[in-house]
N, C-alpha and C. Protein backbone atom coordinates (compact mmCIF):
# COMPACT_ATOMS: atom_id res chain seq x y z
N MET A 1 -67.47 -23.32 -19.07
CA MET A 1 -67.10 -22.08 -19.71
C MET A 1 -65.73 -22.22 -20.34
N SER A 2 -65.60 -21.69 -21.51
CA SER A 2 -64.31 -21.80 -22.18
C SER A 2 -63.23 -21.02 -21.44
N GLU A 3 -63.60 -20.05 -20.62
CA GLU A 3 -62.59 -19.30 -19.85
C GLU A 3 -61.78 -20.24 -18.96
N TYR A 4 -62.38 -21.33 -18.53
CA TYR A 4 -61.70 -22.26 -17.63
C TYR A 4 -60.75 -23.20 -18.37
N THR A 5 -60.95 -23.38 -19.66
CA THR A 5 -60.15 -24.36 -20.39
C THR A 5 -59.30 -23.75 -21.50
N SER A 6 -59.27 -22.43 -21.59
CA SER A 6 -58.54 -21.78 -22.68
C SER A 6 -57.13 -21.36 -22.34
N THR A 7 -56.89 -21.00 -21.07
CA THR A 7 -55.59 -20.47 -20.67
C THR A 7 -55.17 -21.06 -19.32
N ILE A 8 -53.90 -20.94 -19.01
CA ILE A 8 -53.42 -21.40 -17.70
C ILE A 8 -54.07 -20.61 -16.57
N GLU A 9 -54.31 -19.32 -16.79
CA GLU A 9 -54.94 -18.50 -15.77
C GLU A 9 -56.39 -18.95 -15.53
N GLY A 10 -57.09 -19.25 -16.60
CA GLY A 10 -58.45 -19.74 -16.46
C GLY A 10 -58.51 -21.09 -15.79
N TYR A 11 -57.59 -21.97 -16.15
CA TYR A 11 -57.56 -23.30 -15.53
C TYR A 11 -57.21 -23.18 -14.05
N GLN A 12 -56.33 -22.24 -13.71
CA GLN A 12 -56.01 -22.00 -12.31
C GLN A 12 -57.26 -21.56 -11.55
N ARG A 13 -58.04 -20.65 -12.13
CA ARG A 13 -59.30 -20.21 -11.49
C ARG A 13 -60.27 -21.38 -11.32
N ALA A 14 -60.32 -22.25 -12.33
CA ALA A 14 -61.21 -23.41 -12.24
C ALA A 14 -60.78 -24.33 -11.10
N MET A 15 -59.49 -24.57 -11.00
CA MET A 15 -59.00 -25.43 -9.92
C MET A 15 -59.29 -24.82 -8.55
N GLU A 16 -59.04 -23.53 -8.41
CA GLU A 16 -59.28 -22.86 -7.13
C GLU A 16 -60.76 -22.86 -6.75
N SER A 17 -61.62 -22.68 -7.72
CA SER A 17 -63.05 -22.59 -7.42
C SER A 17 -63.71 -23.96 -7.27
N SER A 18 -63.02 -25.03 -7.66
CA SER A 18 -63.64 -26.36 -7.62
C SER A 18 -64.10 -26.76 -6.23
N LEU A 19 -63.38 -26.36 -5.21
CA LEU A 19 -63.78 -26.73 -3.85
C LEU A 19 -64.35 -25.55 -3.08
N ALA A 20 -64.65 -24.46 -3.80
CA ALA A 20 -65.21 -23.27 -3.15
C ALA A 20 -66.57 -22.88 -3.72
N SER A 21 -67.07 -23.62 -4.67
CA SER A 21 -68.34 -23.31 -5.34
C SER A 21 -69.35 -24.41 -5.08
N ASP A 22 -70.59 -24.15 -5.41
CA ASP A 22 -71.60 -25.21 -5.36
C ASP A 22 -71.15 -26.31 -6.31
N PRO A 23 -71.05 -27.56 -5.82
CA PRO A 23 -70.51 -28.64 -6.66
C PRO A 23 -71.23 -28.80 -8.00
N ARG A 24 -72.54 -28.80 -7.99
CA ARG A 24 -73.27 -29.00 -9.24
C ARG A 24 -73.06 -27.82 -10.19
N GLN A 25 -73.11 -26.60 -9.67
CA GLN A 25 -72.91 -25.44 -10.52
C GLN A 25 -71.50 -25.43 -11.12
N TRP A 26 -70.51 -25.83 -10.30
CA TRP A 26 -69.14 -25.86 -10.80
C TRP A 26 -68.99 -26.90 -11.92
N VAL A 27 -69.55 -28.08 -11.70
CA VAL A 27 -69.45 -29.13 -12.73
C VAL A 27 -70.21 -28.71 -13.98
N GLU A 28 -71.39 -28.10 -13.82
CA GLU A 28 -72.14 -27.64 -14.98
C GLU A 28 -71.36 -26.58 -15.77
N ALA A 29 -70.57 -25.76 -15.08
CA ALA A 29 -69.79 -24.71 -15.74
C ALA A 29 -68.56 -25.25 -16.46
N THR A 30 -68.09 -26.42 -16.07
CA THR A 30 -66.83 -26.92 -16.62
C THR A 30 -66.96 -28.19 -17.44
N ALA A 31 -68.10 -28.87 -17.38
CA ALA A 31 -68.22 -30.18 -18.04
C ALA A 31 -69.56 -30.34 -18.74
N LEU A 32 -69.55 -31.08 -19.83
CA LEU A 32 -70.79 -31.42 -20.53
C LEU A 32 -71.60 -32.42 -19.71
N PRO A 33 -72.90 -32.53 -19.94
CA PRO A 33 -73.73 -33.50 -19.21
C PRO A 33 -73.31 -34.96 -19.45
N THR A 34 -72.60 -35.22 -20.54
CA THR A 34 -72.13 -36.58 -20.85
C THR A 34 -70.72 -36.82 -20.33
N PHE A 35 -70.19 -35.87 -19.59
CA PHE A 35 -68.83 -35.93 -19.06
C PHE A 35 -68.59 -37.18 -18.22
N TYR A 36 -67.37 -37.68 -18.30
CA TYR A 36 -66.90 -38.72 -17.37
C TYR A 36 -65.43 -38.46 -17.09
N GLN A 37 -64.98 -38.95 -15.95
CA GLN A 37 -63.59 -38.84 -15.54
C GLN A 37 -63.04 -40.24 -15.32
N ILE A 38 -61.79 -40.43 -15.69
CA ILE A 38 -61.07 -41.63 -15.30
C ILE A 38 -59.98 -41.17 -14.35
N MET A 39 -60.16 -41.48 -13.08
CA MET A 39 -59.24 -41.03 -12.03
C MET A 39 -58.45 -42.22 -11.51
N ASN A 40 -57.15 -42.19 -11.75
CA ASN A 40 -56.28 -43.29 -11.33
C ASN A 40 -56.83 -44.64 -11.77
N GLY A 41 -57.36 -44.67 -13.01
CA GLY A 41 -57.84 -45.91 -13.60
C GLY A 41 -59.29 -46.24 -13.34
N GLU A 42 -59.99 -45.46 -12.52
CA GLU A 42 -61.40 -45.74 -12.20
C GLU A 42 -62.31 -44.73 -12.90
N ARG A 43 -63.30 -45.24 -13.64
CA ARG A 43 -64.22 -44.38 -14.36
C ARG A 43 -65.30 -43.84 -13.42
N VAL A 44 -65.55 -42.53 -13.53
CA VAL A 44 -66.54 -41.85 -12.71
C VAL A 44 -67.47 -41.10 -13.65
N ASP A 45 -68.78 -41.37 -13.58
CA ASP A 45 -69.71 -40.67 -14.46
C ASP A 45 -70.06 -39.30 -13.89
N TYR A 46 -70.86 -38.56 -14.62
CA TYR A 46 -71.19 -37.17 -14.30
C TYR A 46 -71.72 -37.01 -12.87
N GLU A 47 -72.76 -37.77 -12.52
CA GLU A 47 -73.36 -37.62 -11.19
C GLU A 47 -72.39 -38.02 -10.08
N ALA A 48 -71.60 -39.05 -10.31
CA ALA A 48 -70.61 -39.46 -9.31
C ALA A 48 -69.53 -38.39 -9.18
N TYR A 49 -69.22 -37.70 -10.27
CA TYR A 49 -68.24 -36.61 -10.23
C TYR A 49 -68.77 -35.44 -9.40
N VAL A 50 -70.03 -35.09 -9.59
CA VAL A 50 -70.66 -34.04 -8.77
C VAL A 50 -70.57 -34.41 -7.29
N LYS A 51 -70.90 -35.66 -6.98
CA LYS A 51 -70.84 -36.13 -5.60
C LYS A 51 -69.41 -36.09 -5.07
N HIS A 52 -68.45 -36.50 -5.89
CA HIS A 52 -67.04 -36.48 -5.49
C HIS A 52 -66.59 -35.05 -5.14
N ILE A 53 -66.96 -34.08 -5.96
CA ILE A 53 -66.60 -32.69 -5.69
C ILE A 53 -67.22 -32.25 -4.37
N GLY A 54 -68.49 -32.60 -4.13
CA GLY A 54 -69.15 -32.26 -2.87
C GLY A 54 -68.48 -32.92 -1.68
N ASP A 55 -68.11 -34.18 -1.81
CA ASP A 55 -67.42 -34.89 -0.74
C ASP A 55 -66.05 -34.25 -0.45
N MET A 56 -65.35 -33.88 -1.51
CA MET A 56 -64.06 -33.21 -1.32
C MET A 56 -64.24 -31.89 -0.58
N GLN A 57 -65.26 -31.14 -0.96
CA GLN A 57 -65.52 -29.87 -0.28
C GLN A 57 -65.79 -30.08 1.21
N ALA A 58 -66.56 -31.11 1.53
CA ALA A 58 -66.95 -31.36 2.91
C ALA A 58 -65.76 -31.80 3.77
N ASN A 59 -64.76 -32.40 3.15
CA ASN A 59 -63.65 -32.98 3.91
C ASN A 59 -62.31 -32.27 3.73
N THR A 60 -62.29 -31.19 2.97
CA THR A 60 -61.03 -30.54 2.62
C THR A 60 -60.98 -29.10 3.12
N LYS A 61 -59.82 -28.72 3.64
CA LYS A 61 -59.55 -27.34 4.04
C LYS A 61 -58.22 -26.93 3.42
N ASP A 62 -58.03 -25.64 3.32
CA ASP A 62 -56.74 -25.09 2.88
C ASP A 62 -56.28 -25.67 1.53
N TYR A 63 -57.19 -25.76 0.58
CA TYR A 63 -56.88 -26.29 -0.74
C TYR A 63 -56.10 -25.24 -1.53
N LYS A 64 -54.89 -25.58 -1.94
CA LYS A 64 -54.03 -24.64 -2.66
C LYS A 64 -53.45 -25.32 -3.91
N PRO A 65 -54.22 -25.34 -4.99
CA PRO A 65 -53.70 -25.91 -6.24
C PRO A 65 -52.83 -24.90 -6.98
N ILE A 66 -51.81 -25.39 -7.65
CA ILE A 66 -50.96 -24.55 -8.48
C ILE A 66 -50.81 -25.24 -9.84
N VAL A 67 -51.39 -24.63 -10.87
CA VAL A 67 -51.25 -25.16 -12.22
C VAL A 67 -49.85 -24.80 -12.69
N GLN A 68 -49.00 -25.80 -12.81
CA GLN A 68 -47.61 -25.56 -13.18
C GLN A 68 -47.38 -25.60 -14.68
N GLN A 69 -48.14 -26.44 -15.36
CA GLN A 69 -48.01 -26.52 -16.81
C GLN A 69 -49.40 -26.69 -17.40
N PHE A 70 -49.62 -26.08 -18.56
CA PHE A 70 -50.92 -26.12 -19.20
C PHE A 70 -50.71 -26.03 -20.71
N LEU A 71 -51.43 -26.88 -21.42
CA LEU A 71 -51.36 -26.86 -22.88
C LEU A 71 -52.75 -27.09 -23.42
N ARG A 72 -53.18 -26.22 -24.31
CA ARG A 72 -54.45 -26.40 -25.01
C ARG A 72 -54.15 -26.35 -26.49
N ASP A 73 -54.51 -27.42 -27.19
CA ASP A 73 -54.30 -27.51 -28.63
C ASP A 73 -55.58 -28.05 -29.24
N GLY A 74 -56.35 -27.20 -29.89
CA GLY A 74 -57.63 -27.61 -30.46
C GLY A 74 -58.56 -28.08 -29.36
N ASP A 75 -59.00 -29.33 -29.47
CA ASP A 75 -59.93 -29.86 -28.46
C ASP A 75 -59.20 -30.67 -27.38
N GLN A 76 -57.88 -30.58 -27.34
CA GLN A 76 -57.11 -31.33 -26.35
C GLN A 76 -56.55 -30.37 -25.29
N LEU A 77 -56.55 -30.85 -24.06
CA LEU A 77 -56.02 -30.09 -22.93
C LEU A 77 -55.13 -31.00 -22.11
N ALA A 78 -54.02 -30.46 -21.66
CA ALA A 78 -53.13 -31.19 -20.75
C ALA A 78 -52.69 -30.22 -19.67
N ALA A 79 -52.64 -30.69 -18.44
CA ALA A 79 -52.21 -29.83 -17.33
C ALA A 79 -51.49 -30.66 -16.28
N ARG A 80 -50.55 -30.01 -15.63
CA ARG A 80 -49.85 -30.58 -14.48
C ARG A 80 -50.12 -29.64 -13.31
N VAL A 81 -50.71 -30.21 -12.26
CA VAL A 81 -51.11 -29.41 -11.10
C VAL A 81 -50.46 -30.00 -9.86
N LYS A 82 -49.83 -29.13 -9.07
CA LYS A 82 -49.27 -29.54 -7.79
C LYS A 82 -49.92 -28.67 -6.73
N GLY A 83 -49.97 -29.19 -5.52
CA GLY A 83 -50.55 -28.36 -4.48
C GLY A 83 -50.60 -29.05 -3.15
N SER A 84 -51.35 -28.41 -2.27
CA SER A 84 -51.50 -28.94 -0.91
C SER A 84 -52.93 -28.74 -0.46
N LEU A 85 -53.30 -29.53 0.53
CA LEU A 85 -54.62 -29.43 1.13
C LEU A 85 -54.59 -30.11 2.49
N ASN A 86 -55.63 -29.87 3.24
CA ASN A 86 -55.79 -30.56 4.52
C ASN A 86 -57.06 -31.38 4.41
N MET A 87 -56.93 -32.68 4.58
CA MET A 87 -58.08 -33.57 4.48
C MET A 87 -58.20 -34.35 5.79
N GLY A 88 -59.32 -34.15 6.46
CA GLY A 88 -59.55 -34.86 7.71
C GLY A 88 -58.50 -34.57 8.76
N GLY A 89 -57.93 -33.36 8.75
CA GLY A 89 -56.92 -33.00 9.72
C GLY A 89 -55.50 -33.35 9.34
N THR A 90 -55.31 -33.96 8.19
CA THR A 90 -53.98 -34.35 7.73
C THR A 90 -53.55 -33.45 6.57
N ASP A 91 -52.37 -32.86 6.67
CA ASP A 91 -51.82 -32.05 5.59
C ASP A 91 -51.26 -32.97 4.51
N ILE A 92 -51.67 -32.72 3.28
CA ILE A 92 -51.32 -33.58 2.15
C ILE A 92 -50.77 -32.73 1.02
N GLU A 93 -49.79 -33.25 0.32
CA GLU A 93 -49.29 -32.68 -0.93
C GLU A 93 -49.73 -33.59 -2.06
N TYR A 94 -49.93 -33.02 -3.23
CA TYR A 94 -50.33 -33.85 -4.37
C TYR A 94 -49.74 -33.32 -5.66
N GLU A 95 -49.71 -34.19 -6.63
CA GLU A 95 -49.34 -33.84 -7.98
C GLU A 95 -50.29 -34.59 -8.90
N ALA A 96 -50.88 -33.87 -9.84
CA ALA A 96 -51.85 -34.48 -10.74
C ALA A 96 -51.52 -34.14 -12.19
N PHE A 97 -51.69 -35.12 -13.04
CA PHE A 97 -51.53 -34.96 -14.48
C PHE A 97 -52.90 -35.16 -15.09
N MET A 98 -53.37 -34.18 -15.85
CA MET A 98 -54.73 -34.19 -16.37
C MET A 98 -54.70 -34.05 -17.89
N PHE A 99 -55.51 -34.88 -18.53
CA PHE A 99 -55.66 -34.85 -19.97
C PHE A 99 -57.15 -34.85 -20.27
N ALA A 100 -57.60 -33.90 -21.07
CA ALA A 100 -59.03 -33.77 -21.32
C ALA A 100 -59.31 -33.51 -22.80
N LYS A 101 -60.53 -33.87 -23.17
CA LYS A 101 -61.05 -33.47 -24.47
C LYS A 101 -62.07 -32.39 -24.18
N VAL A 102 -61.95 -31.27 -24.91
CA VAL A 102 -62.78 -30.10 -24.67
C VAL A 102 -63.71 -29.88 -25.86
N ASP A 103 -64.97 -29.65 -25.57
CA ASP A 103 -65.95 -29.34 -26.61
C ASP A 103 -65.60 -28.00 -27.23
N LYS A 104 -65.45 -27.96 -28.54
CA LYS A 104 -65.01 -26.75 -29.23
C LYS A 104 -65.99 -25.59 -29.10
N GLU A 105 -67.28 -25.88 -29.07
CA GLU A 105 -68.29 -24.82 -29.01
C GLU A 105 -68.43 -24.21 -27.62
N THR A 106 -68.44 -25.04 -26.58
CA THR A 106 -68.71 -24.55 -25.23
C THR A 106 -67.46 -24.38 -24.38
N GLY A 107 -66.38 -25.05 -24.75
CA GLY A 107 -65.18 -25.02 -23.93
C GLY A 107 -65.27 -25.92 -22.71
N LYS A 108 -66.35 -26.69 -22.60
CA LYS A 108 -66.52 -27.59 -21.46
C LYS A 108 -65.86 -28.93 -21.76
N MET A 109 -65.44 -29.59 -20.69
CA MET A 109 -64.77 -30.88 -20.86
C MET A 109 -65.77 -31.98 -21.24
N GLU A 110 -65.37 -32.79 -22.21
CA GLU A 110 -66.14 -33.98 -22.59
C GLU A 110 -65.73 -35.14 -21.70
N TRP A 111 -64.44 -35.24 -21.44
CA TRP A 111 -63.90 -36.25 -20.52
C TRP A 111 -62.59 -35.75 -19.95
N LEU A 112 -62.19 -36.37 -18.85
CA LEU A 112 -60.96 -36.02 -18.16
C LEU A 112 -60.29 -37.29 -17.67
N ILE A 113 -59.05 -37.46 -18.03
CA ILE A 113 -58.25 -38.56 -17.50
C ILE A 113 -57.23 -37.94 -16.56
N GLU A 114 -57.21 -38.41 -15.33
CA GLU A 114 -56.34 -37.83 -14.32
C GLU A 114 -55.59 -38.91 -13.57
N ARG A 115 -54.32 -38.64 -13.36
CA ARG A 115 -53.48 -39.50 -12.53
C ARG A 115 -52.93 -38.60 -11.43
N ALA A 116 -53.25 -38.92 -10.19
CA ALA A 116 -52.81 -38.10 -9.07
C ALA A 116 -52.05 -38.94 -8.07
N VAL A 117 -51.03 -38.33 -7.50
CA VAL A 117 -50.22 -38.96 -6.47
C VAL A 117 -50.28 -38.04 -5.24
N THR A 118 -50.52 -38.63 -4.06
CA THR A 118 -50.56 -37.84 -2.84
C THR A 118 -49.56 -38.40 -1.84
N SER A 119 -49.17 -37.53 -0.91
CA SER A 119 -48.27 -37.95 0.15
C SER A 119 -48.43 -36.99 1.32
N PRO A 120 -48.00 -37.42 2.51
CA PRO A 120 -48.04 -36.50 3.65
C PRO A 120 -47.19 -35.26 3.37
N ALA A 121 -47.67 -34.10 3.80
CA ALA A 121 -46.92 -32.86 3.58
C ALA A 121 -45.52 -32.98 4.20
N GLY A 122 -44.54 -32.47 3.46
CA GLY A 122 -43.18 -32.47 3.95
C GLY A 122 -42.39 -33.74 3.68
N SER A 123 -43.03 -34.75 3.09
CA SER A 123 -42.31 -36.01 2.85
C SER A 123 -41.42 -35.94 1.62
N GLY A 124 -41.63 -34.91 0.80
CA GLY A 124 -40.81 -34.77 -0.40
C GLY A 124 -41.28 -35.59 -1.59
N THR A 125 -42.39 -36.32 -1.43
CA THR A 125 -42.88 -37.14 -2.54
C THR A 125 -44.16 -36.62 -3.14
N GLY A 126 -44.72 -35.55 -2.58
CA GLY A 126 -45.98 -35.01 -3.09
C GLY A 126 -45.76 -33.88 -4.03
N GLY A 127 -46.60 -32.83 -3.90
CA GLY A 127 -46.55 -31.86 -4.94
C GLY A 127 -46.45 -30.40 -4.61
N ALA A 128 -46.31 -29.97 -3.40
CA ALA A 128 -46.35 -28.54 -3.13
C ALA A 128 -45.07 -27.80 -3.48
N ASN A 129 -44.04 -28.50 -3.85
CA ASN A 129 -42.76 -27.83 -4.15
C ASN A 129 -42.80 -27.13 -5.49
């Protein structure tokens, strides 16, 4: 849905709902069927992305993303997201930089390149600040 990729508020809603919705429905709402992600240098195709979202949901609690910066220019999107989560009983902070190409007609992502850094909560090297 273009609501997720048009404004910082929409992107914030997309981030918050990513681990609270049915994984397939969420991916279908935000990405084209030909979508792929490059996460920290590793390419992930559509089906692997759906599985990744499901795995994250199964192993994550207290997910609190904060979209700190967002830019949409034509079919290009850039965002900086910081936040915290609990994975497997460990509190983690993260910071992610996301760059995407967005389909002009549907507002869904064609691809997403993401670089994320994580660290133990409170170490000062992650992203919840």
